Amino acid sequence: MSDADAVKNYAKSGGAHLVGVASSDRLKGAPKGHRPEDLLSGAESVVVMALRIPLSIV
């Protein structure tokens, strides 16, 4: 199992419905303040998680 798969499984076991892992290089063109390195020097990966929100709440 890869590290990315382990992170995804861990997040899903904690309640996340969708989980994605990407290289921080994919966000190099993002505006200043929105790049992973702006938040954490040396960041190599980005993890994104999503939770379903029932339509009755929206």
PDB file of N, CA and C in Angstrom:
ATOM      1  N   MET A   1       0.855  -1.179   0.000  1.00  0.00           N
ATOM      2  CA  MET A   1       0.000   0.000   0.000  1.00  0.00           C
ATOM      3  C   MET A   1       0.899   1.240   0.000  1.00  0.00           C
ATOM      4  N   SER A   2       0.579   2.192  -0.860  1.00  0.00           N
ATOM      5  CA  SER A   2       1.363   3.429  -0.933  1.00  0.00           C
ATOM      6  C   SER A   2       1.020   4.352   0.233  1.00  0.00           C
ATOM      7  N   ASP A   3       1.870   5.337   0.470  1.00  0.00           N
ATOM      8  CA  ASP A   3       1.594   6.323   1.518  1.00  0.00           C
ATOM      9  C   ASP A   3       0.290   7.056   1.232  1.00  0.00           C
ATOM     10  N   ALA A   4       0.046   7.392  -0.047  1.00  0.00           N
ATOM     11  CA  ALA A   4      -1.186   8.098  -0.415  1.00  0.00           C
ATOM     12  C   ALA A   4      -2.408   7.243  -0.091  1.00  0.00           C
ATOM     13  N   ASP A   5      -2.343   5.952  -0.382  1.00  0.00           N
ATOM     14  CA  ASP A   5      -3.460   5.057  -0.066  1.00  0.00           C
ATOM     15  C   ASP A   5      -3.677   4.966   1.436  1.00  0.00           C
ATOM     16  N   ALA A   6      -2.597   4.938   2.200  1.00  0.00           N
ATOM     17  CA  ALA A   6      -2.707   4.877   3.658  1.00  0.00           C
ATOM     18  C   ALA A   6      -3.375   6.141   4.198  1.00  0.00           C
ATOM     19  N   VAL A   7      -3.004   7.304   3.660  1.00  0.00           N
ATOM     20  CA  VAL A   7      -3.615   8.569   4.088  1.00  0.00           C
ATOM     21  C   VAL A   7      -5.098   8.576   3.728  1.00  0.00           C
ATOM     22  N   LYS A   8      -5.436   8.138   2.523  1.00  0.00           N
ATOM     23  CA  LYS A   8      -6.839   8.097   2.086  1.00  0.00           C
ATOM     24  C   LYS A   8      -7.660   7.178   2.984  1.00  0.00           C
ATOM     25  N   ASN A   9      -7.141   5.993   3.264  1.00  0.00           N
ATOM     26  CA  ASN A   9      -7.862   5.055   4.130  1.00  0.00           C
ATOM     27  C   ASN A   9      -8.046   5.618   5.529  1.00  0.00           C
ATOM     28  N   TYR A  10      -7.014   6.273   6.049  1.00  0.00           N
ATOM     29  CA  TYR A  10      -7.103   6.862   7.385  1.00  0.00           C
ATOM     30  C   TYR A  10      -8.174   7.954   7.420  1.00  0.00           C
ATOM     31  N   ALA A  11      -8.166   8.831   6.419  1.00  0.00           N
ATOM     32  CA  ALA A  11      -9.144   9.921   6.375  1.00  0.00           C
ATOM     33  C   ALA A  11     -10.561   9.378   6.228  1.00  0.00           C
ATOM     34  N   LYS A  12     -10.732   8.371   5.388  1.00  0.00           N
ATOM     35  CA  LYS A  12     -12.065   7.784   5.197  1.00  0.00           C
ATOM     36  C   LYS A  12     -12.541   7.083   6.463  1.00  0.00           C
ATOM     37  N   SER A  13     -11.629   6.467   7.199  1.00  0.00           N
ATOM     38  CA  SER A  13     -12.020   5.813   8.455  1.00  0.00           C
ATOM     39  C   SER A  13     -12.440   6.846   9.499  1.00  0.00           C
ATOM     40  N   GLY A  14     -11.992   8.085   9.315  1.00  0.00           N
ATOM     41  CA  GLY A  14     -12.369   9.169  10.216  1.00  0.00           C
ATOM     42  C   GLY A  14     -13.610   9.925   9.776  1.00  0.00           C
ATOM     43  N   GLY A  15     -14.212   9.504   8.653  1.00  0.00           N
ATOM     44  CA  GLY A  15     -15.470  10.109   8.232  1.00  0.00           C
ATOM     45  C   GLY A  15     -15.440  10.875   6.924  1.00  0.00           C
ATOM     46  N   ALA A  16     -14.279  11.040   6.308  1.00  0.00           N
ATOM     47  CA  ALA A  16     -14.222  11.748   5.022  1.00  0.00           C
ATOM     48  C   ALA A  16     -14.891  10.899   3.945  1.00  0.00           C
ATOM     49  N   HIS A  17     -15.653  11.538   3.061  1.00  0.00           N
ATOM     50  CA  HIS A  17     -16.319  10.819   1.975  1.00  0.00           C
ATOM     51  C   HIS A  17     -15.445  10.736   0.735  1.00  0.00           C
ATOM     52  N   LEU A  18     -14.691  11.765   0.462  1.00  0.00           N
ATOM     53  CA  LEU A  18     -13.760  11.784  -0.663  1.00  0.00           C
ATOM     54  C   LEU A  18     -12.413  12.282  -0.160  1.00  0.00           C
ATOM     55  N   VAL A  19     -11.346  11.701  -0.684  1.00  0.00           N
ATOM     56  CA  VAL A  19      -9.995  12.111  -0.300  1.00  0.00           C
ATOM     57  C   VAL A  19      -9.116  12.069  -1.540  1.00  0.00           C
ATOM     58  N   GLY A  20      -8.305  13.098  -1.708  1.00  0.00           N
ATOM     59  CA  GLY A  20      -7.359  13.127  -2.813  1.00  0.00           C
ATOM     60  C   GLY A  20      -5.996  13.582  -2.330  1.00  0.00           C
ATOM     61  N   VAL A  21      -4.959  13.069  -2.973  1.00  0.00           N
ATOM     62  CA  VAL A  21      -3.583  13.447  -2.655  1.00  0.00           C
ATOM     63  C   VAL A  21      -2.910  13.851  -3.957  1.00  0.00           C
ATOM     64  N   ALA A  22      -2.244  14.999  -3.950  1.00  0.00           N
ATOM     65  CA  ALA A  22      -1.565  15.482  -5.157  1.00  0.00           C
ATOM     66  C   ALA A  22      -0.213  16.066  -4.791  1.00  0.00           C
ATOM     67  N   SER A  23       0.672  16.087  -5.755  1.00  0.00           N
ATOM     68  CA  SER A  23       1.978  16.717  -5.578  1.00  0.00           C
ATOM     69  C   SER A  23       1.790  18.227  -5.439  1.00  0.00           C
ATOM     70  N   SER A  24       2.552  18.844  -4.560  1.00  0.00           N
ATOM     71  CA  SER A  24       2.452  20.300  -4.395  1.00  0.00           C
ATOM     72  C   SER A  24       2.901  21.031  -5.656  1.00  0.00           C
ATOM     73  N   ASP A  25       3.651  20.350  -6.531  1.00  0.00           N
ATOM     74  CA  ASP A  25       4.084  20.954  -7.799  1.00  0.00           C
ATOM     75  C   ASP A  25       2.896  21.369  -8.665  1.00  0.00           C
ATOM     76  N   ARG A  26       1.770  20.688  -8.524  1.00  0.00           N
ATOM     77  CA  ARG A  26       0.589  21.009  -9.338  1.00  0.00           C
ATOM     78  C   ARG A  26       0.026  22.393  -9.005  1.00  0.00           C
ATOM     79  N   LEU A  27       0.409  22.944  -7.867  1.00  0.00           N
ATOM     80  CA  LEU A  27      -0.125  24.238  -7.439  1.00  0.00           C
ATOM     81  C   LEU A  27       0.911  25.352  -7.506  1.00  0.00           C
ATOM     82  N   LYS A  28       2.012  25.131  -8.186  1.00  0.00           N
ATOM     83  CA  LYS A  28       3.058  26.168  -8.274  1.00  0.00           C
ATOM     84  C   LYS A  28       2.551  27.443  -8.931  1.00  0.00           C
ATOM     85  N   GLY A  29       1.561  27.351  -9.812  1.00  0.00           N
ATOM     86  CA  GLY A  29       1.029  28.525 -10.488  1.00  0.00           C
ATOM     87  C   GLY A  29      -0.070  29.237  -9.710  1.00  0.00           C
ATOM     88  N   ALA A  30      -0.383  28.756  -8.520  1.00  0.00           N
ATOM     89  CA  ALA A  30      -1.433  29.381  -7.710  1.00  0.00           C
ATOM     90  C   ALA A  30      -0.974  30.763  -7.237  1.00  0.00           C
ATOM     91  N   PRO A  31      -1.932  31.646  -6.939  1.00  0.00           N
ATOM     92  CA  PRO A  31      -1.564  32.981  -6.450  1.00  0.00           C
ATOM     93  C   PRO A  31      -0.783  32.896  -5.133  1.00  0.00           C
ATOM     94  N   LYS A  32       0.042  33.905  -4.899  1.00  0.00           N
ATOM     95  CA  LYS A  32       0.815  33.965  -3.659  1.00  0.00           C
ATOM     96  C   LYS A  32      -0.133  33.873  -2.465  1.00  0.00           C
ATOM     97  N   GLY A  33       0.250  33.085  -1.501  1.00  0.00           N
ATOM     98  CA  GLY A  33      -0.577  32.872  -0.320  1.00  0.00           C
ATOM     99  C   GLY A  33      -1.444  31.631  -0.424  1.00  0.00           C
ATOM    100  N   HIS A  34      -1.531  31.045  -1.623  1.00  0.00           N
ATOM    101  CA  HIS A  34      -2.361  29.859  -1.846  1.00  0.00           C
ATOM    102  C   HIS A  34      -1.532  28.641  -2.245  1.00  0.00           C
ATOM    103  N   ARG A  35      -0.222  28.805  -2.305  1.00  0.00           N
ATOM    104  CA  ARG A  35       0.657  27.683  -2.647  1.00  0.00           C
ATOM    105  C   ARG A  35       0.985  26.916  -1.368  1.00  0.00           C
ATOM    106  N   PRO A  36       1.112  25.600  -1.468  1.00  0.00           N
ATOM    107  CA  PRO A  36       1.422  24.812  -0.269  1.00  0.00           C
ATOM    108  C   PRO A  36       2.670  25.310   0.467  1.00  0.00           C
ATOM    109  N   GLU A  37       3.697  25.725  -0.288  1.00  0.00           N
ATOM    110  CA  GLU A  37       4.934  26.191   0.340  1.00  0.00           C
ATOM    111  C   GLU A  37       4.740  27.494   1.110  1.00  0.00           C
ATOM    112  N   ASP A  38       3.694  28.254   0.781  1.00  0.00           N
ATOM    113  CA  ASP A  38       3.405  29.488   1.516  1.00  0.00           C
ATOM    114  C   ASP A  38       2.895  29.173   2.921  1.00  0.00           C
ATOM    115  N   LEU A  39       2.309  28.001   3.079  1.00  0.00           N
ATOM    116  CA  LEU A  39       1.758  27.605   4.373  1.00  0.00           C
ATOM    117  C   LEU A  39       2.698  26.701   5.160  1.00  0.00           C
ATOM    118  N   LEU A  40       3.460  25.873   4.425  1.00  0.00           N
ATOM    119  CA  LEU A  40       4.367  24.930   5.072  1.00  0.00           C
ATOM    120  C   LEU A  40       5.602  24.763   4.203  1.00  0.00           C
ATOM    121  N   SER A  41       6.694  25.356   4.636  1.00  0.00           N
ATOM    122  CA  SER A  41       7.941  25.279   3.879  1.00  0.00           C
ATOM    123  C   SER A  41       8.349  23.821   3.682  1.00  0.00           C
ATOM    124  N   GLY A  42       8.680  23.466   2.453  1.00  0.00           N
ATOM    125  CA  GLY A  42       9.096  22.102   2.153  1.00  0.00           C
ATOM    126  C   GLY A  42       7.958  21.140   1.879  1.00  0.00           C
ATOM    127  N   ALA A  43       6.721  21.649   1.807  1.00  0.00           N
ATOM    128  CA  ALA A  43       5.573  20.774   1.530  1.00  0.00           C
ATOM    129  C   ALA A  43       5.773  20.059   0.201  1.00  0.00           C
ATOM    130  N   GLU A  44       5.516  18.768   0.186  1.00  0.00           N
ATOM    131  CA  GLU A  44       5.677  17.973  -1.026  1.00  0.00           C
ATOM    132  C   GLU A  44       4.350  17.498  -1.588  1.00  0.00           C
ATOM    133  N   SER A  45       3.344  17.362  -0.730  1.00  0.00           N
ATOM    134  CA  SER A  45       2.040  16.856  -1.153  1.00  0.00           C
ATOM    135  C   SER A  45       0.929  17.671  -0.519  1.00  0.00           C
ATOM    136  N   VAL A  46      -0.245  17.580  -1.145  1.00  0.00           N
ATOM    137  CA  VAL A  46      -1.440  18.252  -0.645  1.00  0.00           C
ATOM    138  C   VAL A  46      -2.523  17.191  -0.485  1.00  0.00           C
ATOM    139  N   VAL A  47      -3.226  17.222   0.636  1.00  0.00           N
ATOM    140  CA  VAL A  47      -4.329  16.300   0.884  1.00  0.00           C
ATOM    141  C   VAL A  47      -5.613  17.118   0.926  1.00  0.00           C
ATOM    142  N   VAL A  48      -6.611  16.671   0.164  1.00  0.00           N
ATOM    143  CA  VAL A  48      -7.907  17.343   0.134  1.00  0.00           C
ATOM    144  C   VAL A  48      -8.965  16.342   0.568  1.00  0.00           C
ATOM    145  N   MET A  49      -9.841  16.769   1.479  1.00  0.00           N
ATOM    146  CA  MET A  49     -10.911  15.894   1.964  1.00  0.00           C
ATOM    147  C   MET A  49     -12.250  16.581   1.778  1.00  0.00           C
ATOM    148  N   ALA A  50     -13.295  15.782   1.572  1.00  0.00           N
ATOM    149  CA  ALA A  50     -14.642  16.325   1.396  1.00  0.00           C
ATOM    150  C   ALA A  50     -15.635  15.510   2.217  1.00  0.00           C
ATOM    151  N   LEU A  51     -16.648  16.210   2.696  1.00  0.00           N
ATOM    152  CA  LEU A  51     -17.759  15.579   3.404  1.00  0.00           C
ATOM    153  C   LEU A  51     -19.049  15.898   2.668  1.00  0.00           C
ATOM    154  N   ARG A  52     -19.932  14.920   2.574  1.00  0.00           N
ATOM    155  CA  ARG A  52     -21.249  15.174   1.976  1.00  0.00           C
ATOM    156  C   ARG A  52     -22.066  16.045   2.923  1.00  0.00           C
ATOM    157  N   ILE A  53     -22.798  16.975   2.344  1.00  0.00           N
ATOM    158  CA  ILE A  53     -23.712  17.804   3.122  1.00  0.00           C
ATOM    159  C   ILE A  53     -25.117  17.513   2.606  1.00  0.00           C
ATOM    160  N   PRO A  54     -26.016  17.052   3.458  1.00  0.00           N
ATOM    161  CA  PRO A  54     -27.374  16.756   3.006  1.00  0.00           C
ATOM    162  C   PRO A  54     -28.041  17.998   2.399  1.00  0.00           C
ATOM    163  N   LEU A  55     -28.800  17.796   1.321  1.00  0.00           N
ATOM    164  CA  LEU A  55     -29.470  18.916   0.659  1.00  0.00           C
ATOM    165  C   LEU A  55     -30.395  19.668   1.607  1.00  0.00           C
ATOM    166  N   SER A  56     -30.943  18.982   2.594  1.00  0.00           N
ATOM    167  CA  SER A  56     -31.845  19.645   3.534  1.00  0.00           C
ATOM    168  C   SER A  56     -31.122  20.692   4.380  1.00  0.00           C
ATOM    169  N   ILE A  57     -29.812  20.611   4.459  1.00  0.00           N
ATOM    170  CA  ILE A  57     -29.030  21.578   5.230  1.00  0.00           C
ATOM    171  C   ILE A  57     -28.608  22.756   4.367  1.00  0.00           C
ATOM    172  N   VAL A  58     -28.429  22.497   3.075  1.00  0.00           N
ATOM    173  CA  VAL A  58     -27.908  23.536   2.180  1.00  0.00           C
ATOM    174  C   VAL A  58     -28.920  24.598   1.960  1.00  0.00           C
TER     175      VAL A  58
END
